[in-house]
Amino acid sequence: MAEPTAGPPAPVEGTRRRPDPVTLVLAVISVLYPFIALFAVRSLGPIPVVAALCLLLVARVAFGWGRGVPLGMALAPLAVALLMGLTMLWDAHRAVRFYPVFMSGAMLAAFAASVVKGPSMIERLARIAEPDLPEAGVAYTRKVTMVWCLFLFLNGLVALWTALYASLEVWTLYNGFISYVLMGALLGGELLIRKWVRREKAA
């Protein structure tokens, strides 16, 4: 059973679809959130920062809807916004730091569910560019999805440690820089492995 998507699937065309500027800006702000929070919390306090982030996450869902993104990934920011709002009622300062933890957890839940139910999250994303994905590709993308599940789990654990025990500067360094470097390394490594696998099969 195919995983539902957030709205109609994106059309497969010969040219790549340009990203929506509003969606792109919202995504960039979300990525830069740890650095923004580092300075904004000290000048504005935690409650305005958390409230602004929740609105941003809801806006990401609203503007990203209907672009063929797997439903689990599309709704993850909404789940994070709800958790952030609830945490703010308990401890606003802690809520500021829990965003990376909640995001890793929401993405992990979406990726893990796709492995269990199928098709895997990476398969869904791969089929946007390659609708006729062969069986070997299906098996490969499932393994890649499982690797991402492991990464998201470990990343969430480190993010939780920084949220509970590290200084705000260390929290910002890991969640705003180091974690993205690790993601980039994983993406780059997977790309190299994929090219190597394809060369081996073509030989």
N, C-alpha and C. Protein backbone atom coordinates (compact mmCIF):
# COMPACT_ATOMS: atom_id res chain seq x y z
N MET A 1 0.85 -1.20 0.00
CA MET A 1 0.00 0.00 0.00
C MET A 1 0.87 1.24 0.00
N ALA A 2 0.66 2.11 -0.95
CA ALA A 2 1.50 3.30 -1.08
C ALA A 2 1.20 4.29 0.03
N GLU A 3 2.26 4.94 0.51
CA GLU A 3 2.08 5.95 1.55
C GLU A 3 1.44 7.17 0.94
N PRO A 4 0.40 7.77 1.60
CA PRO A 4 -0.25 8.96 1.06
C PRO A 4 0.70 10.13 1.01
N THR A 5 0.40 11.05 0.14
CA THR A 5 1.20 12.26 0.03
C THR A 5 0.39 13.45 0.47
N ALA A 6 1.08 14.55 0.75
CA ALA A 6 0.42 15.78 1.16
C ALA A 6 -0.11 16.48 -0.08
N GLY A 7 -1.32 16.16 -0.47
CA GLY A 7 -1.90 16.73 -1.67
C GLY A 7 -1.53 15.92 -2.89
N PRO A 8 -1.89 16.40 -4.09
CA PRO A 8 -1.60 15.68 -5.32
C PRO A 8 -0.11 15.55 -5.54
N PRO A 9 0.33 14.40 -6.12
CA PRO A 9 1.76 14.22 -6.35
C PRO A 9 2.31 15.24 -7.32
N ALA A 10 3.56 15.58 -7.10
CA ALA A 10 4.22 16.54 -7.99
C ALA A 10 4.36 15.96 -9.38
N PRO A 11 4.09 16.74 -10.43
CA PRO A 11 4.21 16.23 -11.78
C PRO A 11 5.64 15.92 -12.14
N VAL A 12 5.82 14.83 -12.88
CA VAL A 12 7.15 14.46 -13.35
C VAL A 12 7.34 15.08 -14.72
N GLU A 13 8.29 15.99 -14.82
CA GLU A 13 8.51 16.72 -16.06
C GLU A 13 9.96 16.61 -16.45
N GLY A 14 10.23 17.04 -17.67
CA GLY A 14 11.59 16.99 -18.16
C GLY A 14 12.50 17.98 -17.45
N THR A 15 11.91 19.11 -16.99
CA THR A 15 12.69 20.10 -16.28
C THR A 15 12.35 20.05 -14.81
N ARG A 16 13.33 20.42 -13.99
CA ARG A 16 13.10 20.38 -12.56
C ARG A 16 12.18 21.53 -12.14
N ARG A 17 11.31 21.24 -11.19
CA ARG A 17 10.41 22.24 -10.70
C ARG A 17 11.14 23.19 -9.76
N ARG A 18 10.99 24.49 -9.97
CA ARG A 18 11.66 25.45 -9.12
C ARG A 18 11.01 25.46 -7.74
N PRO A 19 11.82 25.52 -6.68
CA PRO A 19 11.25 25.56 -5.34
C PRO A 19 10.48 26.84 -5.10
N ASP A 20 9.36 26.76 -4.37
CA ASP A 20 8.57 27.93 -4.05
C ASP A 20 9.40 28.84 -3.15
N PRO A 21 9.49 30.14 -3.46
CA PRO A 21 10.35 31.05 -2.67
C PRO A 21 9.94 31.11 -1.20
N VAL A 22 8.63 31.15 -0.94
CA VAL A 22 8.17 31.24 0.45
C VAL A 22 8.56 29.98 1.22
N THR A 23 8.35 28.81 0.62
CA THR A 23 8.71 27.55 1.26
C THR A 23 10.21 27.49 1.51
N LEU A 24 11.00 27.97 0.54
CA LEU A 24 12.45 27.95 0.67
C LEU A 24 12.91 28.85 1.82
N VAL A 25 12.31 30.05 1.92
CA VAL A 25 12.68 30.98 2.99
C VAL A 25 12.32 30.41 4.35
N LEU A 26 11.14 29.80 4.46
CA LEU A 26 10.70 29.20 5.72
C LEU A 26 11.64 28.06 6.13
N ALA A 27 12.07 27.27 5.15
CA ALA A 27 12.97 26.16 5.45
C ALA A 27 14.33 26.68 5.93
N VAL A 28 14.83 27.73 5.29
CA VAL A 28 16.12 28.30 5.69
C VAL A 28 16.06 28.86 7.11
N ILE A 29 14.96 29.54 7.43
CA ILE A 29 14.80 30.08 8.78
C ILE A 29 14.77 28.95 9.80
N SER A 30 14.09 27.85 9.46
CA SER A 30 14.04 26.70 10.36
C SER A 30 15.43 26.12 10.61
N VAL A 31 16.24 26.05 9.55
CA VAL A 31 17.60 25.53 9.68
C VAL A 31 18.45 26.44 10.56
N LEU A 32 18.26 27.75 10.41
CA LEU A 32 19.04 28.72 11.17
C LEU A 32 18.48 28.97 12.57
N TYR A 33 17.42 28.28 12.92
CA TYR A 33 16.75 28.52 14.19
C TYR A 33 17.70 28.51 15.40
N PRO A 34 18.62 27.53 15.56
CA PRO A 34 19.48 27.55 16.74
C PRO A 34 20.28 28.85 16.89
N PHE A 35 20.77 29.40 15.78
CA PHE A 35 21.53 30.65 15.86
C PHE A 35 20.61 31.83 16.16
N ILE A 36 19.41 31.82 15.57
CA ILE A 36 18.45 32.88 15.86
C ILE A 36 18.04 32.82 17.33
N ALA A 37 17.79 31.60 17.82
CA ALA A 37 17.37 31.44 19.21
C ALA A 37 18.45 31.90 20.18
N LEU A 38 19.72 31.66 19.83
CA LEU A 38 20.84 32.02 20.71
C LEU A 38 20.80 33.50 21.06
N PHE A 39 20.48 34.35 20.09
CA PHE A 39 20.45 35.79 20.33
C PHE A 39 19.06 36.29 20.72
N ALA A 40 18.01 35.68 20.15
CA ALA A 40 16.66 36.16 20.41
C ALA A 40 16.20 35.89 21.83
N VAL A 41 16.60 34.74 22.39
CA VAL A 41 16.18 34.41 23.75
C VAL A 41 16.71 35.43 24.74
N ARG A 42 17.93 35.90 24.53
CA ARG A 42 18.54 36.84 25.46
C ARG A 42 17.93 38.23 25.37
N SER A 43 17.38 38.58 24.22
CA SER A 43 16.82 39.92 24.06
C SER A 43 15.29 39.95 24.21
N LEU A 44 14.62 38.86 23.79
CA LEU A 44 13.16 38.84 23.81
C LEU A 44 12.56 37.91 24.87
N GLY A 45 13.37 36.92 25.31
CA GLY A 45 12.83 35.92 26.22
C GLY A 45 12.38 34.69 25.44
N PRO A 46 12.14 33.58 26.12
CA PRO A 46 11.84 32.33 25.43
C PRO A 46 10.45 32.23 24.81
N ILE A 47 9.46 32.84 25.45
CA ILE A 47 8.07 32.66 24.97
C ILE A 47 7.88 33.22 23.56
N PRO A 48 8.30 34.46 23.24
CA PRO A 48 8.15 34.93 21.86
C PRO A 48 8.90 34.07 20.84
N VAL A 49 10.06 33.54 21.25
CA VAL A 49 10.85 32.70 20.33
C VAL A 49 10.11 31.42 20.01
N VAL A 50 9.57 30.75 21.04
CA VAL A 50 8.84 29.50 20.82
C VAL A 50 7.57 29.76 20.03
N ALA A 51 6.85 30.83 20.36
CA ALA A 51 5.61 31.15 19.65
C ALA A 51 5.88 31.42 18.17
N ALA A 52 6.96 32.16 17.89
CA ALA A 52 7.31 32.45 16.49
C ALA A 52 7.69 31.18 15.75
N LEU A 53 8.41 30.28 16.43
CA LEU A 53 8.80 29.03 15.78
C LEU A 53 7.57 28.17 15.48
N CYS A 54 6.62 28.12 16.39
CA CYS A 54 5.39 27.34 16.16
C CYS A 54 4.63 27.87 14.95
N LEU A 55 4.53 29.19 14.84
CA LEU A 55 3.87 29.79 13.67
C LEU A 55 4.63 29.47 12.40
N LEU A 56 5.96 29.50 12.48
CA LEU A 56 6.79 29.17 11.32
C LEU A 56 6.56 27.73 10.86
N LEU A 57 6.49 26.81 11.82
CA LEU A 57 6.29 25.40 11.48
C LEU A 57 4.92 25.18 10.84
N VAL A 58 3.90 25.83 11.38
CA VAL A 58 2.56 25.73 10.79
C VAL A 58 2.56 26.30 9.37
N ALA A 59 3.27 27.41 9.18
CA ALA A 59 3.36 28.02 7.84
C ALA A 59 4.07 27.08 6.87
N ARG A 60 5.10 26.37 7.35
CA ARG A 60 5.80 25.41 6.48
C ARG A 60 4.85 24.33 6.00
N VAL A 61 3.99 23.85 6.88
CA VAL A 61 3.02 22.84 6.47
C VAL A 61 2.04 23.41 5.47
N ALA A 62 1.55 24.62 5.74
CA ALA A 62 0.55 25.24 4.86
C ALA A 62 1.11 25.50 3.47
N PHE A 63 2.31 26.05 3.39
CA PHE A 63 2.88 26.39 2.08
C PHE A 63 3.47 25.17 1.37
N GLY A 64 3.83 24.16 2.12
CA GLY A 64 4.40 22.97 1.50
C GLY A 64 3.37 21.94 1.08
N TRP A 65 2.10 22.17 1.45
CA TRP A 65 1.05 21.20 1.14
C TRP A 65 0.80 21.12 -0.36
N GLY A 66 0.54 19.93 -0.84
CA GLY A 66 0.18 19.75 -2.25
C GLY A 66 1.36 19.68 -3.18
N ARG A 67 2.55 19.35 -2.67
CA ARG A 67 3.74 19.29 -3.51
C ARG A 67 4.29 17.88 -3.65
N GLY A 68 3.44 16.88 -3.35
CA GLY A 68 3.85 15.50 -3.54
C GLY A 68 4.79 14.97 -2.48
N VAL A 69 4.98 15.69 -1.39
CA VAL A 69 5.86 15.23 -0.31
C VAL A 69 5.14 14.15 0.49
N PRO A 70 5.82 13.07 0.87
CA PRO A 70 5.19 12.04 1.69
C PRO A 70 4.52 12.64 2.92
N LEU A 71 3.33 12.14 3.23
CA LEU A 71 2.51 12.73 4.28
C LEU A 71 3.23 12.81 5.61
N GLY A 72 3.99 11.76 5.96
CA GLY A 72 4.70 11.76 7.23
C GLY A 72 5.67 12.93 7.35
N MET A 73 6.42 13.21 6.28
CA MET A 73 7.36 14.32 6.30
C MET A 73 6.63 15.66 6.28
N ALA A 74 5.51 15.73 5.56
CA ALA A 74 4.77 16.98 5.47
C ALA A 74 4.16 17.38 6.80
N LEU A 75 3.72 16.39 7.59
CA LEU A 75 3.06 16.69 8.85
C LEU A 75 4.01 16.76 10.04
N ALA A 76 5.26 16.36 9.86
CA ALA A 76 6.23 16.38 10.96
C ALA A 76 6.35 17.76 11.60
N PRO A 77 6.45 18.87 10.82
CA PRO A 77 6.54 20.18 11.47
C PRO A 77 5.32 20.51 12.31
N LEU A 78 4.13 20.03 11.89
CA LEU A 78 2.91 20.29 12.66
C LEU A 78 2.96 19.58 14.01
N ALA A 79 3.44 18.34 14.00
CA ALA A 79 3.58 17.59 15.25
C ALA A 79 4.59 18.27 16.17
N VAL A 80 5.68 18.78 15.59
CA VAL A 80 6.70 19.46 16.37
C VAL A 80 6.14 20.75 16.98
N ALA A 81 5.36 21.50 16.21
CA ALA A 81 4.75 22.73 16.72
C ALA A 81 3.85 22.44 17.91
N LEU A 82 3.07 21.35 17.84
CA LEU A 82 2.21 20.97 18.96
C LEU A 82 3.03 20.63 20.19
N LEU A 83 4.08 19.84 20.01
CA LEU A 83 4.95 19.47 21.14
C LEU A 83 5.65 20.68 21.73
N MET A 84 6.08 21.60 20.87
CA MET A 84 6.73 22.81 21.35
C MET A 84 5.78 23.65 22.20
N GLY A 85 4.53 23.77 21.73
CA GLY A 85 3.54 24.54 22.48
C GLY A 85 3.25 23.93 23.84
N LEU A 86 3.14 22.61 23.88
CA LEU A 86 2.89 21.93 25.16
C LEU A 86 4.08 22.07 26.10
N THR A 87 5.29 21.95 25.56
CA THR A 87 6.49 22.08 26.39
C THR A 87 6.63 23.49 26.93
N MET A 88 6.21 24.48 26.16
CA MET A 88 6.29 25.87 26.61
C MET A 88 5.44 26.10 27.85
N LEU A 89 4.32 25.38 27.95
CA LEU A 89 3.48 25.51 29.14
C LEU A 89 4.19 24.97 30.38
N TRP A 90 5.11 24.03 30.18
CA TRP A 90 5.85 23.44 31.29
C TRP A 90 7.10 24.25 31.61
N ASP A 91 7.91 24.55 30.57
CA ASP A 91 9.16 25.27 30.78
C ASP A 91 9.53 25.94 29.45
N ALA A 92 9.33 27.23 29.36
CA ALA A 92 9.55 27.95 28.10
C ALA A 92 11.01 27.90 27.68
N HIS A 93 11.92 28.02 28.63
CA HIS A 93 13.35 27.98 28.29
C HIS A 93 13.73 26.60 27.73
N ARG A 94 13.17 25.56 28.33
CA ARG A 94 13.46 24.21 27.85
C ARG A 94 12.85 23.99 26.47
N ALA A 95 11.67 24.57 26.24
CA ALA A 95 11.00 24.41 24.94
C ALA A 95 11.86 24.95 23.81
N VAL A 96 12.58 26.04 24.06
CA VAL A 96 13.46 26.62 23.04
C VAL A 96 14.47 25.59 22.56
N ARG A 97 15.00 24.81 23.49
CA ARG A 97 16.06 23.85 23.18
C ARG A 97 15.53 22.53 22.64
N PHE A 98 14.26 22.24 22.85
CA PHE A 98 13.74 20.93 22.48
C PHE A 98 13.34 20.81 21.01
N TYR A 99 13.41 21.91 20.27
CA TYR A 99 13.01 21.84 18.85
C TYR A 99 13.79 20.78 18.07
N PRO A 100 15.13 20.74 18.13
CA PRO A 100 15.86 19.70 17.38
C PRO A 100 15.51 18.29 17.84
N VAL A 101 15.24 18.13 19.14
CA VAL A 101 14.86 16.81 19.66
C VAL A 101 13.53 16.38 19.07
N PHE A 102 12.55 17.27 19.11
CA PHE A 102 11.23 16.93 18.59
C PHE A 102 11.26 16.71 17.08
N MET A 103 12.06 17.51 16.36
CA MET A 103 12.12 17.34 14.91
C MET A 103 12.76 16.01 14.54
N SER A 104 13.84 15.64 15.23
CA SER A 104 14.46 14.34 14.98
C SER A 104 13.50 13.21 15.29
N GLY A 105 12.76 13.35 16.40
CA GLY A 105 11.79 12.32 16.77
C GLY A 105 10.66 12.19 15.78
N ALA A 106 10.14 13.34 15.30
CA ALA A 106 9.04 13.30 14.34
C ALA A 106 9.49 12.69 13.01
N MET A 107 10.69 13.06 12.56
CA MET A 107 11.20 12.50 11.31
C MET A 107 11.50 11.02 11.48
N LEU A 108 12.03 10.63 12.64
CA LEU A 108 12.30 9.22 12.90
C LEU A 108 11.01 8.41 12.85
N ALA A 109 9.95 8.93 13.46
CA ALA A 109 8.67 8.23 13.44
C ALA A 109 8.15 8.07 12.01
N ALA A 110 8.29 9.12 11.20
CA ALA A 110 7.82 9.05 9.81
C ALA A 110 8.64 8.06 8.99
N PHE A 111 9.96 8.09 9.15
CA PHE A 111 10.83 7.18 8.40
C PHE A 111 10.62 5.73 8.84
N ALA A 112 10.54 5.50 10.16
CA ALA A 112 10.36 4.14 10.66
C ALA A 112 9.02 3.57 10.24
N ALA A 113 7.97 4.39 10.29
CA ALA A 113 6.65 3.92 9.87
C ALA A 113 6.64 3.53 8.40
N SER A 114 7.40 4.27 7.59
CA SER A 114 7.44 3.95 6.16
C SER A 114 8.17 2.64 5.90
N VAL A 115 9.15 2.30 6.75
CA VAL A 115 9.85 1.02 6.61
C VAL A 115 8.90 -0.13 6.93
N VAL A 116 8.08 0.06 7.97
CA VAL A 116 7.16 -1.00 8.40
C VAL A 116 6.01 -1.17 7.40
N LYS A 117 5.40 -0.05 6.99
CA LYS A 117 4.22 -0.10 6.14
C LYS A 117 4.57 -0.19 4.66
N GLY A 118 5.67 0.49 4.29
CA GLY A 118 6.05 0.54 2.89
C GLY A 118 5.14 1.46 2.09
N PRO A 119 5.61 2.03 1.00
CA PRO A 119 7.02 2.02 0.59
C PRO A 119 7.87 2.91 1.50
N SER A 120 9.16 2.65 1.52
CA SER A 120 10.04 3.40 2.40
C SER A 120 10.09 4.87 1.99
N MET A 121 10.47 5.72 2.95
CA MET A 121 10.49 7.16 2.70
C MET A 121 11.44 7.52 1.56
N ILE A 122 12.63 6.93 1.53
CA ILE A 122 13.58 7.24 0.46
C ILE A 122 13.06 6.76 -0.89
N GLU A 123 12.34 5.64 -0.88
CA GLU A 123 11.74 5.17 -2.13
C GLU A 123 10.72 6.17 -2.63
N ARG A 124 9.88 6.69 -1.71
CA ARG A 124 8.88 7.67 -2.11
C ARG A 124 9.55 8.90 -2.74
N LEU A 125 10.62 9.36 -2.12
CA LEU A 125 11.33 10.52 -2.65
C LEU A 125 12.02 10.20 -3.97
N ALA A 126 12.58 8.99 -4.08
CA ALA A 126 13.27 8.59 -5.30
C ALA A 126 12.30 8.49 -6.48
N ARG A 127 11.08 8.06 -6.22
CA ARG A 127 10.10 7.88 -7.29
C ARG A 127 9.59 9.21 -7.85
N ILE A 128 9.81 10.31 -7.13
CA ILE A 128 9.44 11.61 -7.68
C ILE A 128 10.26 11.90 -8.93
N ALA A 129 11.55 11.53 -8.88
CA ALA A 129 12.43 11.74 -10.04
C ALA A 129 12.50 10.52 -10.94
N GLU A 130 12.26 9.31 -10.38
CA GLU A 130 12.37 8.06 -11.14
C GLU A 130 11.16 7.17 -10.83
N PRO A 131 10.01 7.45 -11.49
CA PRO A 131 8.78 6.72 -11.16
C PRO A 131 8.91 5.20 -11.34
N ASP A 132 9.62 4.75 -12.36
CA ASP A 132 9.76 3.32 -12.63
C ASP A 132 11.00 2.76 -11.93
N LEU A 133 11.01 2.87 -10.62
CA LEU A 133 12.15 2.40 -9.84
C LEU A 133 12.19 0.87 -9.87
N PRO A 134 13.32 0.26 -10.27
CA PRO A 134 13.40 -1.20 -10.34
C PRO A 134 13.39 -1.82 -8.94
N GLU A 135 13.21 -3.15 -8.89
CA GLU A 135 13.14 -3.86 -7.61
C GLU A 135 14.44 -3.69 -6.81
N ALA A 136 15.57 -3.69 -7.52
CA ALA A 136 16.85 -3.48 -6.83
C ALA A 136 16.89 -2.10 -6.18
N GLY A 137 16.31 -1.13 -6.87
CA GLY A 137 16.25 0.22 -6.32
C GLY A 137 15.34 0.30 -5.10
N VAL A 138 14.25 -0.45 -5.14
CA VAL A 138 13.33 -0.49 -3.99
C VAL A 138 14.04 -1.06 -2.76
N ALA A 139 14.76 -2.16 -2.95
CA ALA A 139 15.49 -2.77 -1.84
C ALA A 139 16.58 -1.84 -1.32
N TYR A 140 17.26 -1.17 -2.23
CA TYR A 140 18.34 -0.27 -1.83
C TYR A 140 17.80 0.91 -1.04
N THR A 141 16.73 1.53 -1.54
CA THR A 141 16.17 2.70 -0.85
C THR A 141 15.61 2.33 0.52
N ARG A 142 15.14 1.09 0.67
CA ARG A 142 14.66 0.66 1.98
C ARG A 142 15.83 0.60 2.98
N LYS A 143 16.97 0.10 2.52
CA LYS A 143 18.15 0.05 3.38
C LYS A 143 18.62 1.45 3.74
N VAL A 144 18.58 2.36 2.77
CA VAL A 144 18.98 3.74 3.03
C VAL A 144 18.04 4.38 4.05
N THR A 145 16.76 4.09 3.94
CA THR A 145 15.79 4.62 4.91
C THR A 145 16.10 4.12 6.32
N MET A 146 16.50 2.86 6.44
CA MET A 146 16.85 2.30 7.74
C MET A 146 18.11 2.98 8.29
N VAL A 147 19.06 3.31 7.43
CA VAL A 147 20.26 4.03 7.86
C VAL A 147 19.87 5.41 8.40
N TRP A 148 18.95 6.07 7.71
CA TRP A 148 18.48 7.37 8.17
C TRP A 148 17.75 7.25 9.50
N CYS A 149 17.04 6.17 9.71
CA CYS A 149 16.37 5.94 11.00
C CYS A 149 17.41 5.89 12.12
N LEU A 150 18.49 5.17 11.88
CA LEU A 150 19.55 5.08 12.89
C LEU A 150 20.18 6.45 13.13
N PHE A 151 20.43 7.18 12.06
CA PHE A 151 21.02 8.52 12.22
C PHE A 151 20.09 9.44 13.01
N LEU A 152 18.82 9.45 12.67
CA LEU A 152 17.86 10.31 13.36
C LEU A 152 17.75 9.96 14.83
N PHE A 153 17.82 8.66 15.14
CA PHE A 153 17.77 8.23 16.53
C PHE A 153 18.98 8.74 17.31
N LEU A 154 20.18 8.54 16.76
CA LEU A 154 21.40 8.98 17.43
C LEU A 154 21.46 10.51 17.51
N ASN A 155 21.06 11.16 16.44
CA ASN A 155 21.06 12.62 16.43
C ASN A 155 20.09 13.17 17.48
N GLY A 156 18.94 12.51 17.62
CA GLY A 156 17.98 12.93 18.62
C GLY A 156 18.51 12.77 20.04
N LEU A 157 19.27 11.70 20.27
CA LEU A 157 19.86 11.48 21.59
C LEU A 157 20.87 12.58 21.93
N VAL A 158 21.72 12.91 20.96
CA VAL A 158 22.71 13.97 21.20
C VAL A 158 22.01 15.31 21.40
N ALA A 159 20.99 15.58 20.58
CA ALA A 159 20.23 16.82 20.72
C ALA A 159 19.57 16.90 22.09
N LEU A 160 19.08 15.77 22.59
CA LEU A 160 18.46 15.74 23.91
C LEU A 160 19.50 16.05 24.99
N TRP A 161 20.69 15.49 24.85
CA TRP A 161 21.75 15.77 25.81
C TRP A 161 22.09 17.26 25.82
N THR A 162 22.22 17.86 24.64
CA THR A 162 22.54 19.29 24.59
C THR A 162 21.41 20.13 25.17
N ALA A 163 20.17 19.67 25.00
CA ALA A 163 19.02 20.42 25.52
C ALA A 163 18.97 20.37 27.05
N LEU A 164 19.41 19.27 27.63
CA LEU A 164 19.29 19.08 29.07
C LEU A 164 20.53 19.53 29.85
N TYR A 165 21.71 19.33 29.26
CA TYR A 165 22.93 19.50 30.05
C TYR A 165 23.94 20.50 29.49
N ALA A 166 23.91 20.78 28.21
CA ALA A 166 24.93 21.64 27.61
C ALA A 166 24.56 23.12 27.74
N SER A 167 25.55 23.97 27.56
CA SER A 167 25.28 25.41 27.53
C SER A 167 24.54 25.76 26.24
N LEU A 168 23.96 26.96 26.23
CA LEU A 168 23.23 27.39 25.03
C LEU A 168 24.16 27.48 23.83
N GLU A 169 25.42 27.84 24.07
CA GLU A 169 26.39 27.94 22.97
C GLU A 169 26.70 26.57 22.38
N VAL A 170 26.91 25.58 23.26
CA VAL A 170 27.17 24.21 22.78
C VAL A 170 25.95 23.66 22.07
N TRP A 171 24.77 23.91 22.63
CA TRP A 171 23.52 23.48 21.99
C TRP A 171 23.42 24.07 20.58
N THR A 172 23.74 25.34 20.44
CA THR A 172 23.68 26.00 19.13
C THR A 172 24.70 25.41 18.17
N LEU A 173 25.92 25.18 18.66
CA LEU A 173 26.98 24.64 17.80
C LEU A 173 26.59 23.27 17.24
N TYR A 174 26.08 22.39 18.10
CA TYR A 174 25.75 21.06 17.60
C TYR A 174 24.52 21.09 16.70
N ASN A 175 23.43 21.66 17.19
CA ASN A 175 22.15 21.60 16.46
C ASN A 175 22.08 22.55 15.27
N GLY A 176 22.92 23.58 15.27
CA GLY A 176 22.89 24.52 14.16
C GLY A 176 24.00 24.33 13.15
N PHE A 177 25.00 23.50 13.51
CA PHE A 177 26.12 23.31 12.59
C PHE A 177 26.56 21.85 12.47
N ILE A 178 26.98 21.25 13.59
CA ILE A 178 27.56 19.90 13.53
C ILE A 178 26.55 18.88 12.99
N SER A 179 25.31 18.95 13.45
CA SER A 179 24.31 17.97 13.00
C SER A 179 24.09 18.06 11.49
N TYR A 180 24.15 19.28 10.93
CA TYR A 180 23.95 19.44 9.49
C TYR A 180 25.17 18.99 8.71
N VAL A 181 26.35 19.15 9.31
CA VAL A 181 27.56 18.60 8.67
C VAL A 181 27.46 17.08 8.60
N LEU A 182 26.99 16.46 9.68
CA LEU A 182 26.82 15.00 9.69
C LEU A 182 25.78 14.56 8.67
N MET A 183 24.68 15.31 8.56
CA MET A 183 23.67 14.99 7.55
C MET A 183 24.25 15.08 6.14
N GLY A 184 25.04 16.14 5.92
CA GLY A 184 25.66 16.30 4.61
C GLY A 184 26.63 15.17 4.31
N ALA A 185 27.37 14.74 5.33
CA ALA A 185 28.30 13.63 5.14
C ALA A 185 27.56 12.34 4.80
N LEU A 186 26.42 12.13 5.47
CA LEU A 186 25.61 10.95 5.19
C LEU A 186 25.03 10.99 3.78
N LEU A 187 24.54 12.15 3.38
CA LEU A 187 24.01 12.30 2.03
C LEU A 187 25.09 12.09 0.98
N GLY A 188 26.26 12.70 1.20
CA GLY A 188 27.36 12.56 0.26
C GLY A 188 27.88 11.14 0.18
N GLY A 189 28.00 10.49 1.34
CA GLY A 189 28.45 9.09 1.35
C GLY A 189 27.47 8.18 0.64
N GLU A 190 26.17 8.42 0.86
CA GLU A 190 25.16 7.59 0.19
C GLU A 190 25.20 7.79 -1.32
N LEU A 191 25.46 9.02 -1.76
CA LEU A 191 25.54 9.30 -3.19
C LEU A 191 26.72 8.56 -3.82
N LEU A 192 27.85 8.56 -3.14
CA LEU A 192 29.02 7.83 -3.65
C LEU A 192 28.76 6.33 -3.72
N ILE A 193 28.14 5.79 -2.69
CA ILE A 193 27.82 4.36 -2.68
C ILE A 193 26.84 4.02 -3.79
N ARG A 194 25.84 4.89 -4.00
CA ARG A 194 24.84 4.64 -5.04
C ARG A 194 25.51 4.60 -6.42
N LYS A 195 26.42 5.54 -6.68
CA LYS A 195 27.12 5.54 -7.97
C LYS A 195 27.98 4.30 -8.12
N TRP A 196 28.62 3.87 -7.05
CA TRP A 196 29.46 2.67 -7.11
C TRP A 196 28.61 1.44 -7.39
N VAL A 197 27.45 1.34 -6.73
CA VAL A 197 26.55 0.20 -6.94
C VAL A 197 26.07 0.16 -8.38
N ARG A 198 25.73 1.31 -8.93
CA ARG A 198 25.25 1.35 -10.31
C ARG A 198 26.35 0.97 -11.30
N ARG A 199 27.59 1.39 -11.02
CA ARG A 199 28.69 1.00 -11.90
C ARG A 199 28.92 -0.50 -11.85
N GLU A 200 28.82 -1.09 -10.65
CA GLU A 200 29.02 -2.53 -10.50
C GLU A 200 27.95 -3.31 -11.26
N LYS A 201 26.70 -2.80 -11.19
CA LYS A 201 25.62 -3.53 -11.90
C LYS A 201 25.72 -3.36 -13.40
N ALA A 202 26.25 -2.20 -13.84
CA ALA A 202 26.38 -1.96 -15.28
C ALA A 202 27.55 -2.73 -15.87
N ALA A 203 28.53 -3.08 -15.03
CA ALA A 203 29.73 -3.79 -15.52
C ALA A 203 29.42 -5.21 -15.94
